[in-house]
Amino acid sequence: MKAFQLNEACGAGGLVLRTDLETPEPGPGEVLVHVRANSLNFRDFMVAHGKYPVPAKPCVIPLSDGAGDVVAVGQNVTAIKMGDRVTGAVFPDWISGSLTQGIFQWSLGGPIDGIAG
């Protein structure tokens, strides 16, 4: 697998192209997606510059927006199957209103999942 990883929060200069990454196996409740389209947004910019309110995990792959095909499913996944086309949601429980600390606690990807700073 290949991906750009952020080795340090210093902007685009901290991104390193890795071509030797192992393809992850989905755990319980997870799916593996072959990304077909992506974009970087302001959240990714903030993570790359160390300005996001939640710290980033080491060697994070800064990608908030992506879409693709499900290529593997973990245990207990029932609503999604292999071959489905999906898109990610950084804040899956945020429907409307102000972005609260509680919503940040359950954000996905980028910073340390499920932990607010």
C-alpha atoms as a PDB file:
ATOM      1  CA  MET A   1       0.000   0.000   0.000  1.00  0.00           C
ATOM      2  CA  LYS A   2       1.168   3.540  -0.575  1.00  0.00           C
ATOM      3  CA  ALA A   3       0.134   6.721   1.205  1.00  0.00           C
ATOM      4  CA  PHE A   4       1.399  10.086   2.291  1.00  0.00           C
ATOM      5  CA  GLN A   5       2.127  10.118   6.022  1.00  0.00           C
ATOM      6  CA  LEU A   6       2.650  13.180   8.166  1.00  0.00           C
ATOM      7  CA  ASN A   7       5.885  12.644  10.089  1.00  0.00           C
ATOM      8  CA  GLU A   8       5.807  16.043  11.793  1.00  0.00           C
ATOM      9  CA  ALA A   9       3.295  18.878  11.991  1.00  0.00           C
ATOM     10  CA  CYS A  10       5.160  21.432   9.882  1.00  0.00           C
ATOM     11  CA  GLY A  11       2.864  21.748   6.877  1.00  0.00           C
ATOM     12  CA  ALA A  12       3.296  20.024   3.512  1.00  0.00           C
ATOM     13  CA  GLY A  13       7.022  19.630   4.201  1.00  0.00           C
ATOM     14  CA  GLY A  14       6.174  17.059   6.869  1.00  0.00           C
ATOM     15  CA  LEU A  15       4.481  14.733   4.350  1.00  0.00           C
ATOM     16  CA  VAL A  16       6.434  11.672   3.256  1.00  0.00           C
ATOM     17  CA  LEU A  17       5.358   9.293   0.472  1.00  0.00           C
ATOM     18  CA  ARG A  18       5.440   5.731   1.800  1.00  0.00           C
ATOM     19  CA  THR A  19       5.281   2.899  -0.721  1.00  0.00           C
ATOM     20  CA  ASP A  20       6.056   0.081   1.699  1.00  0.00           C
ATOM     21  CA  LEU A  21       3.016   0.113   3.989  1.00  0.00           C
ATOM     22  CA  GLU A  22       1.230  -3.151   4.719  1.00  0.00           C
ATOM     23  CA  THR A  23      -2.436  -3.304   3.785  1.00  0.00           C
ATOM     24  CA  PRO A  24      -4.394  -3.179   7.060  1.00  0.00           C
ATOM     25  CA  GLU A  25      -6.887  -5.856   8.079  1.00  0.00           C
ATOM     26  CA  PRO A  26     -10.271  -4.536   9.225  1.00  0.00           C
ATOM     27  CA  GLY A  27     -11.062  -5.188  12.858  1.00  0.00           C
ATOM     28  CA  PRO A  28     -14.492  -5.752  14.408  1.00  0.00           C
ATOM     29  CA  GLY A  29     -16.972  -3.166  13.138  1.00  0.00           C
ATOM     30  CA  GLU A  30     -14.503  -1.881  10.498  1.00  0.00           C
ATOM     31  CA  VAL A  31     -14.256  -2.069   6.722  1.00  0.00           C
ATOM     32  CA  LEU A  32     -11.281  -1.727   4.391  1.00  0.00           C
ATOM     33  CA  VAL A  33     -11.841   0.694   1.510  1.00  0.00           C
ATOM     34  CA  HIS A  34      -9.901   0.930  -1.733  1.00  0.00           C
ATOM     35  CA  VAL A  35      -9.910   4.716  -2.067  1.00  0.00           C
ATOM     36  CA  ARG A  36     -10.876   5.882  -5.562  1.00  0.00           C
ATOM     37  CA  ALA A  37     -11.264   9.622  -4.932  1.00  0.00           C
ATOM     38  CA  ASN A  38     -10.010  11.958  -2.231  1.00  0.00           C
ATOM     39  CA  SER A  39      -9.412  15.552  -1.355  1.00  0.00           C
ATOM     40  CA  LEU A  40      -7.630  17.417   1.370  1.00  0.00           C
ATOM     41  CA  ASN A  41      -9.710  19.907   3.295  1.00  0.00           C
ATOM     42  CA  PHE A  42      -9.157  22.528   5.988  1.00  0.00           C
ATOM     43  CA  ARG A  43      -9.124  19.886   8.735  1.00  0.00           C
ATOM     44  CA  ASP A  44      -6.188  18.170   7.003  1.00  0.00           C
ATOM     45  CA  PHE A  45      -4.422  21.537   6.699  1.00  0.00           C
ATOM     46  CA  MET A  46      -4.894  22.142  10.432  1.00  0.00           C
ATOM     47  CA  VAL A  47      -3.592  18.654  11.320  1.00  0.00           C
ATOM     48  CA  ALA A  48      -0.557  19.118   9.041  1.00  0.00           C
ATOM     49  CA  HIS A  49       0.282  22.437  10.714  1.00  0.00           C
ATOM     50  CA  GLY A  50      -0.311  21.238  14.293  1.00  0.00           C
ATOM     51  CA  LYS A  51      -3.317  23.556  14.717  1.00  0.00           C
ATOM     52  CA  TYR A  52      -6.077  20.955  15.125  1.00  0.00           C
ATOM     53  CA  PRO A  53      -7.667  20.978  18.627  1.00  0.00           C
ATOM     54  CA  VAL A  54      -6.935  17.257  19.047  1.00  0.00           C
ATOM     55  CA  PRO A  55      -3.352  15.952  18.718  1.00  0.00           C
ATOM     56  CA  ALA A  56      -2.488  13.776  15.727  1.00  0.00           C
ATOM     57  CA  LYS A  57      -1.254  10.231  16.173  1.00  0.00           C
ATOM     58  CA  PRO A  58       2.280   9.529  14.899  1.00  0.00           C
ATOM     59  CA  CYS A  59       2.637   8.983  11.135  1.00  0.00           C
ATOM     60  CA  VAL A  60      -1.000   9.921  10.501  1.00  0.00           C
ATOM     61  CA  ILE A  61      -2.337   9.810   6.943  1.00  0.00           C
ATOM     62  CA  PRO A  62      -4.112  13.186   6.692  1.00  0.00           C
ATOM     63  CA  LEU A  63      -7.209  12.436   4.651  1.00  0.00           C
ATOM     64  CA  SER A  64     -10.621  13.573   5.837  1.00  0.00           C
ATOM     65  CA  ASP A  65     -12.523  13.196   2.559  1.00  0.00           C
ATOM     66  CA  GLY A  66     -12.442  10.028   0.518  1.00  0.00           C
ATOM     67  CA  ALA A  67     -14.661   7.608  -1.355  1.00  0.00           C
ATOM     68  CA  GLY A  68     -14.125   4.145  -2.711  1.00  0.00           C
ATOM     69  CA  ASP A  69     -15.055   0.476  -2.774  1.00  0.00           C
ATOM     70  CA  VAL A  70     -15.262  -1.856   0.226  1.00  0.00           C
ATOM     71  CA  VAL A  71     -12.699  -4.647  -0.296  1.00  0.00           C
ATOM     72  CA  ALA A  72     -12.900  -6.362   3.116  1.00  0.00           C
ATOM     73  CA  VAL A  73     -15.185  -6.316   6.145  1.00  0.00           C
ATOM     74  CA  GLY A  74     -14.443  -7.069   9.781  1.00  0.00           C
ATOM     75  CA  GLN A  75     -16.490  -9.064  12.252  1.00  0.00           C
ATOM     76  CA  ASN A  76     -19.953  -7.803  13.168  1.00  0.00           C
ATOM     77  CA  VAL A  77     -20.288  -5.647  10.036  1.00  0.00           C
ATOM     78  CA  THR A  78     -23.811  -6.151   8.722  1.00  0.00           C
ATOM     79  CA  ALA A  79     -24.904  -2.955   6.975  1.00  0.00           C
ATOM     80  CA  ILE A  80     -22.009  -2.858   4.484  1.00  0.00           C
ATOM     81  CA  LYS A  81     -20.710  -5.602   2.219  1.00  0.00           C
ATOM     82  CA  MET A  82     -17.742  -6.104  -0.079  1.00  0.00           C
ATOM     83  CA  GLY A  83     -18.182  -4.174  -3.318  1.00  0.00           C
ATOM     84  CA  ASP A  84     -20.290  -1.391  -1.762  1.00  0.00           C
ATOM     85  CA  ARG A  85     -19.279   2.141  -2.684  1.00  0.00           C
ATOM     86  CA  VAL A  86     -18.792   4.263   0.411  1.00  0.00           C
ATOM     87  CA  THR A  87     -17.588   7.628   1.624  1.00  0.00           C
ATOM     88  CA  GLY A  88     -16.145   8.518   4.993  1.00  0.00           C
ATOM     89  CA  ALA A  89     -17.563  10.786   7.670  1.00  0.00           C
ATOM     90  CA  VAL A  90     -15.195  12.501  10.111  1.00  0.00           C
ATOM     91  CA  PHE A  91     -18.005  13.277  12.555  1.00  0.00           C
ATOM     92  CA  PRO A  92     -20.586  10.526  11.951  1.00  0.00           C
ATOM     93  CA  ASP A  93     -22.783  11.607  14.886  1.00  0.00           C
ATOM     94  CA  TRP A  94     -22.810  15.343  14.061  1.00  0.00           C
ATOM     95  CA  ILE A  95     -26.081  16.063  12.309  1.00  0.00           C
ATOM     96  CA  SER A  96     -26.367  19.819  12.895  1.00  0.00           C
ATOM     97  CA  GLY A  97     -25.588  22.619  15.298  1.00  0.00           C
ATOM     98  CA  SER A  98     -22.372  23.684  16.972  1.00  0.00           C
ATOM     99  CA  LEU A  99     -19.335  21.425  16.959  1.00  0.00           C
ATOM    100  CA  THR A 100     -18.949  20.481  20.626  1.00  0.00           C
ATOM    101  CA  GLN A 101     -16.170  18.786  22.593  1.00  0.00           C
ATOM    102  CA  GLY A 102     -18.380  15.709  22.834  1.00  0.00           C
ATOM    103  CA  ILE A 103     -18.549  15.477  19.047  1.00  0.00           C
ATOM    104  CA  PHE A 104     -14.752  15.853  18.833  1.00  0.00           C
ATOM    105  CA  GLN A 105     -14.397  12.860  21.166  1.00  0.00           C
ATOM    106  CA  TRP A 106     -15.927  10.603  18.527  1.00  0.00           C
ATOM    107  CA  SER A 107     -14.250  12.027  15.431  1.00  0.00           C
ATOM    108  CA  LEU A 108     -12.754   9.439  13.091  1.00  0.00           C
ATOM    109  CA  GLY A 109      -9.350   9.439  11.414  1.00  0.00           C
ATOM    110  CA  GLY A 110      -6.631  12.080  11.550  1.00  0.00           C
ATOM    111  CA  PRO A 111      -6.183  12.776  15.233  1.00  0.00           C
ATOM    112  CA  ILE A 112      -6.166  10.080  17.879  1.00  0.00           C
ATOM    113  CA  ASP A 113      -9.504   8.341  17.322  1.00  0.00           C
ATOM    114  CA  GLY A 114     -12.022   8.778  20.108  1.00  0.00           C
ATOM    115  CA  ILE A 115      -9.774  10.898  22.334  1.00  0.00           C
ATOM    116  CA  ALA A 116     -10.156  14.626  22.801  1.00  0.00           C
ATOM    117  CA  GLY A 117      -7.251  16.782  23.918  1.00  0.00           C
END
